[in-house]
C-alpha cells in the first residue's frame, strides 16, 4: 500500500487521519510541524502528503513551496487539510500547486475517495521526492 505522510501540529488531527488511513490499509507516517515534515519526506519517501496549513514555525504554504521546488517534488501529491478554508486560502493553495484541498472538519470518506482516485485511477505515483529541510 502507498505511504502517506500526515503533517499537522494538532496531535488529535494526526491521530484521526492516521486511524482513518490505517483502517484502509495505508502505511502512515506523521510529523508534528513543517520542519519535521520536510525531514520526514526525505526519510520516509511518501507517495502522498496530507498537510495542515496553520502550523507554528514553517506553515503549510512554505512546506508546499519547498516540496514543489525540490527535485521530484512537483510529482508528489499534496492534500491540504485546514481549518483556514476560505476562498482566498483555497485559491492560494491551488496556485501554489496543491493537488487537493479539504476543510476541517473534514469528511474522512472524501479524503479516502481522493486517495482511491490518486492510487487506482491515475498512474501510480513514484515514492521518493527528496526535500532539503
C-alpha atoms as a PDB file:
ATOM      1  CA  UNK A   1       0.000   0.000   0.000  1.00  0.00           C
ATOM      2  CA  UNK A   2       1.124   3.573  -0.559  1.00  0.00           C
ATOM      3  CA  UNK A   3       2.754   5.504   2.272  1.00  0.00           C
ATOM      4  CA  UNK A   4       1.022   8.704   3.369  1.00  0.00           C
ATOM      5  CA  UNK A   5       2.779  11.370   5.442  1.00  0.00           C
ATOM      6  CA  UNK A   6       0.487  13.409   7.707  1.00  0.00           C
ATOM      7  CA  UNK A   7       1.935  16.786   8.762  1.00  0.00           C
ATOM      8  CA  UNK A   8      -0.177  18.574  11.372  1.00  0.00           C
ATOM      9  CA  UNK A   9       0.662  20.311  14.647  1.00  0.00           C
ATOM     10  CA  UNK A  10      -2.581  19.085  16.251  1.00  0.00           C
ATOM     11  CA  UNK A  11      -1.980  15.622  17.735  1.00  0.00           C
ATOM     12  CA  UNK A  12      -5.697  14.746  17.693  1.00  0.00           C
ATOM     13  CA  UNK A  13      -5.950  15.505  13.962  1.00  0.00           C
ATOM     14  CA  UNK A  14      -2.780  13.492  13.251  1.00  0.00           C
ATOM     15  CA  UNK A  15      -4.281  10.561  15.177  1.00  0.00           C
ATOM     16  CA  UNK A  16      -7.677  10.859  13.447  1.00  0.00           C
ATOM     17  CA  UNK A  17      -6.188  10.991   9.946  1.00  0.00           C
ATOM     18  CA  UNK A  18      -3.770   8.162  10.801  1.00  0.00           C
ATOM     19  CA  UNK A  19      -6.600   5.978  12.104  1.00  0.00           C
ATOM     20  CA  UNK A  20      -8.755   6.628   9.021  1.00  0.00           C
ATOM     21  CA  UNK A  21      -5.889   5.791   6.656  1.00  0.00           C
ATOM     22  CA  UNK A  22      -4.595   2.745   8.542  1.00  0.00           C
ATOM     23  CA  UNK A  23      -8.063   1.170   8.624  1.00  0.00           C
ATOM     24  CA  UNK A  24      -7.954   1.312   4.820  1.00  0.00           C
ATOM     25  CA  UNK A  25      -4.524  -0.326   4.787  1.00  0.00           C
ATOM     26  CA  UNK A  26      -2.337   2.696   4.089  1.00  0.00           C
ATOM     27  CA  UNK A  27       1.142   2.894   5.591  1.00  0.00           C
ATOM     28  CA  UNK A  28       1.176   6.162   7.572  1.00  0.00           C
ATOM     29  CA  UNK A  29       3.989   8.330   8.906  1.00  0.00           C
ATOM     30  CA  UNK A  30       3.440  11.558  10.832  1.00  0.00           C
ATOM     31  CA  UNK A  31       5.206  14.815  11.600  1.00  0.00           C
ATOM     32  CA  UNK A  32       4.226  17.489  14.110  1.00  0.00           C
ATOM     33  CA  UNK A  33       5.342  20.593  12.210  1.00  0.00           C
ATOM     34  CA  UNK A  34       6.630  21.842   8.869  1.00  0.00           C
ATOM     35  CA  UNK A  35      10.320  21.333   9.605  1.00  0.00           C
ATOM     36  CA  UNK A  36       9.760  17.781  10.868  1.00  0.00           C
ATOM     37  CA  UNK A  37       7.553  17.195   7.843  1.00  0.00           C
ATOM     38  CA  UNK A  38      10.300  18.133   5.400  1.00  0.00           C
ATOM     39  CA  UNK A  39      12.729  15.823   7.205  1.00  0.00           C
ATOM     40  CA  UNK A  40      10.112  13.043   7.128  1.00  0.00           C
ATOM     41  CA  UNK A  41       9.646  13.458   3.375  1.00  0.00           C
ATOM     42  CA  UNK A  42      13.355  12.795   2.918  1.00  0.00           C
ATOM     43  CA  UNK A  43      13.390   9.888   5.393  1.00  0.00           C
ATOM     44  CA  UNK A  44      10.053   8.219   4.608  1.00  0.00           C
ATOM     45  CA  UNK A  45       9.740   8.857   0.842  1.00  0.00           C
ATOM     46  CA  UNK A  46       5.914   9.049   0.975  1.00  0.00           C
ATOM     47  CA  UNK A  47       3.605   8.596  -2.001  1.00  0.00           C
ATOM     48  CA  UNK A  48       1.377  11.463  -0.785  1.00  0.00           C
ATOM     49  CA  UNK A  49       1.408  14.180   1.895  1.00  0.00           C
ATOM     50  CA  UNK A  50      -1.592  15.358   3.931  1.00  0.00           C
ATOM     51  CA  UNK A  51      -0.582  18.841   5.073  1.00  0.00           C
ATOM     52  CA  UNK A  52      -2.065  21.303   7.546  1.00  0.00           C
ATOM     53  CA  UNK A  53      -1.818  24.999   6.653  1.00  0.00           C
ATOM     54  CA  UNK A  54      -1.657  26.736  10.032  1.00  0.00           C
ATOM     55  CA  UNK A  55       1.366  25.481  11.951  1.00  0.00           C
ATOM     56  CA  UNK A  56       3.935  27.325  14.065  1.00  0.00           C
ATOM     57  CA  UNK A  57       7.313  27.978  12.503  1.00  0.00           C
ATOM     58  CA  UNK A  58       7.023  26.753   8.933  1.00  0.00           C
ATOM     59  CA  UNK A  59       3.400  26.847   7.788  1.00  0.00           C
ATOM     60  CA  UNK A  60       1.818  24.576   5.190  1.00  0.00           C
ATOM     61  CA  UNK A  61       2.254  27.066   2.348  1.00  0.00           C
ATOM     62  CA  UNK A  62       6.004  27.271   2.990  1.00  0.00           C
ATOM     63  CA  UNK A  63       6.215  23.470   3.175  1.00  0.00           C
ATOM     64  CA  UNK A  64       4.295  23.151  -0.097  1.00  0.00           C
ATOM     65  CA  UNK A  65       6.613  25.662  -1.789  1.00  0.00           C
ATOM     66  CA  UNK A  66       9.672  23.690  -0.659  1.00  0.00           C
ATOM     67  CA  UNK A  67       8.137  20.437  -1.834  1.00  0.00           C
ATOM     68  CA  UNK A  68       7.309  21.875  -5.254  1.00  0.00           C
ATOM     69  CA  UNK A  69      10.779  23.365  -5.717  1.00  0.00           C
ATOM     70  CA  UNK A  70      12.626  20.151  -4.771  1.00  0.00           C
ATOM     71  CA  UNK A  71      13.865  17.513  -7.187  1.00  0.00           C
ATOM     72  CA  UNK A  72      10.896  15.175  -7.690  1.00  0.00           C
ATOM     73  CA  UNK A  73       8.668  17.407  -5.570  1.00  0.00           C
ATOM     74  CA  UNK A  74       6.363  18.564  -8.362  1.00  0.00           C
ATOM     75  CA  UNK A  75       5.175  14.956  -8.734  1.00  0.00           C
ATOM     76  CA  UNK A  76       4.488  14.350  -5.017  1.00  0.00           C
ATOM     77  CA  UNK A  77       0.728  14.679  -4.411  1.00  0.00           C
ATOM     78  CA  UNK A  78      -0.168  17.047  -1.576  1.00  0.00           C
ATOM     79  CA  UNK A  79      -3.560  17.299   0.121  1.00  0.00           C
ATOM     80  CA  UNK A  80      -4.073  20.421   2.236  1.00  0.00           C
ATOM     81  CA  UNK A  81      -6.310  19.835   5.228  1.00  0.00           C
ATOM     82  CA  UNK A  82      -7.051  23.063   7.061  1.00  0.00           C
ATOM     83  CA  UNK A  83      -9.401  24.978   9.310  1.00  0.00           C
ATOM     84  CA  UNK A  84      -8.462  28.117   7.338  1.00  0.00           C
ATOM     85  CA  UNK A  85     -10.650  27.138   4.425  1.00  0.00           C
ATOM     86  CA  UNK A  86     -11.948  30.345   2.949  1.00  0.00           C
ATOM     87  CA  UNK A  87     -11.871  31.027  -0.791  1.00  0.00           C
ATOM     88  CA  UNK A  88      -8.652  33.056  -0.580  1.00  0.00           C
ATOM     89  CA  UNK A  89      -6.855  30.263   1.291  1.00  0.00           C
ATOM     90  CA  UNK A  90      -8.049  27.652  -1.188  1.00  0.00           C
ATOM     91  CA  UNK A  91      -7.071  29.796  -4.184  1.00  0.00           C
ATOM     92  CA  UNK A  92      -3.616  30.377  -2.737  1.00  0.00           C
ATOM     93  CA  UNK A  93      -3.154  26.633  -2.225  1.00  0.00           C
ATOM     94  CA  UNK A  94      -4.243  25.848  -5.795  1.00  0.00           C
ATOM     95  CA  UNK A  95      -1.908  28.465  -7.275  1.00  0.00           C
ATOM     96  CA  UNK A  96       0.969  27.056  -5.214  1.00  0.00           C
ATOM     97  CA  UNK A  97       0.383  23.586  -6.617  1.00  0.00           C
ATOM     98  CA  UNK A  98      -1.708  21.687  -4.090  1.00  0.00           C
ATOM     99  CA  UNK A  99      -3.409  18.621  -5.552  1.00  0.00           C
ATOM    100  CA  UNK A 100      -6.479  18.563  -3.307  1.00  0.00           C
ATOM    101  CA  UNK A 101      -7.913  20.880  -0.636  1.00  0.00           C
ATOM    102  CA  UNK A 102     -10.090  19.786   2.313  1.00  0.00           C
ATOM    103  CA  UNK A 103     -11.638  21.975   5.000  1.00  0.00           C
ATOM    104  CA  UNK A 104     -11.647  20.988   8.675  1.00  0.00           C
ATOM    105  CA  UNK A 105     -13.782  19.499   9.974  1.00  0.00           C
ATOM    106  CA  UNK A 106     -13.320  17.131   7.079  1.00  0.00           C
ATOM    107  CA  UNK A 107     -15.226  14.133   5.810  1.00  0.00           C
ATOM    108  CA  UNK A 108     -12.871  11.131   6.056  1.00  0.00           C
ATOM    109  CA  UNK A 109     -14.731   9.494   3.162  1.00  0.00           C
ATOM    110  CA  UNK A 110     -13.831  12.433   0.906  1.00  0.00           C
ATOM    111  CA  UNK A 111     -10.132  12.065   1.750  1.00  0.00           C
ATOM    112  CA  UNK A 112     -10.335   8.325   1.040  1.00  0.00           C
ATOM    113  CA  UNK A 113     -12.137   8.927  -2.268  1.00  0.00           C
ATOM    114  CA  UNK A 114      -9.369  11.259  -3.388  1.00  0.00           C
ATOM    115  CA  UNK A 115      -6.653   8.782  -2.393  1.00  0.00           C
ATOM    116  CA  UNK A 116      -8.530   5.977  -4.152  1.00  0.00           C
ATOM    117  CA  UNK A 117      -8.656   8.136  -7.270  1.00  0.00           C
ATOM    118  CA  UNK A 118      -4.995   9.033  -6.919  1.00  0.00           C
ATOM    119  CA  UNK A 119      -3.711   5.500  -6.448  1.00  0.00           C
ATOM    120  CA  UNK A 120      -6.092   3.476  -8.627  1.00  0.00           C
ATOM    121  CA  UNK A 121      -7.256   5.702 -11.458  1.00  0.00           C
ATOM    122  CA  UNK A 122      -4.144   7.778 -12.024  1.00  0.00           C
ATOM    123  CA  UNK A 123      -0.785   6.262 -12.939  1.00  0.00           C
ATOM    124  CA  UNK A 124       0.898   5.072  -9.727  1.00  0.00           C
ATOM    125  CA  UNK A 125       2.944   7.754  -8.045  1.00  0.00           C
ATOM    126  CA  UNK A 126       6.625   7.073  -7.531  1.00  0.00           C
ATOM    127  CA  UNK A 127       7.718   7.441  -3.930  1.00  0.00           C
ATOM    128  CA  UNK A 128      10.770   9.406  -3.138  1.00  0.00           C
ATOM    129  CA  UNK A 129      10.678  13.146  -3.696  1.00  0.00           C
ATOM    130  CA  UNK A 130      13.607  14.470  -1.707  1.00  0.00           C
ATOM    131  CA  UNK A 131      13.224  17.806   0.038  1.00  0.00           C
ATOM    132  CA  UNK A 132      16.029  19.540   1.879  1.00  0.00           C
ATOM    133  CA  UNK A 133      14.634  20.747   5.234  1.00  0.00           C
END
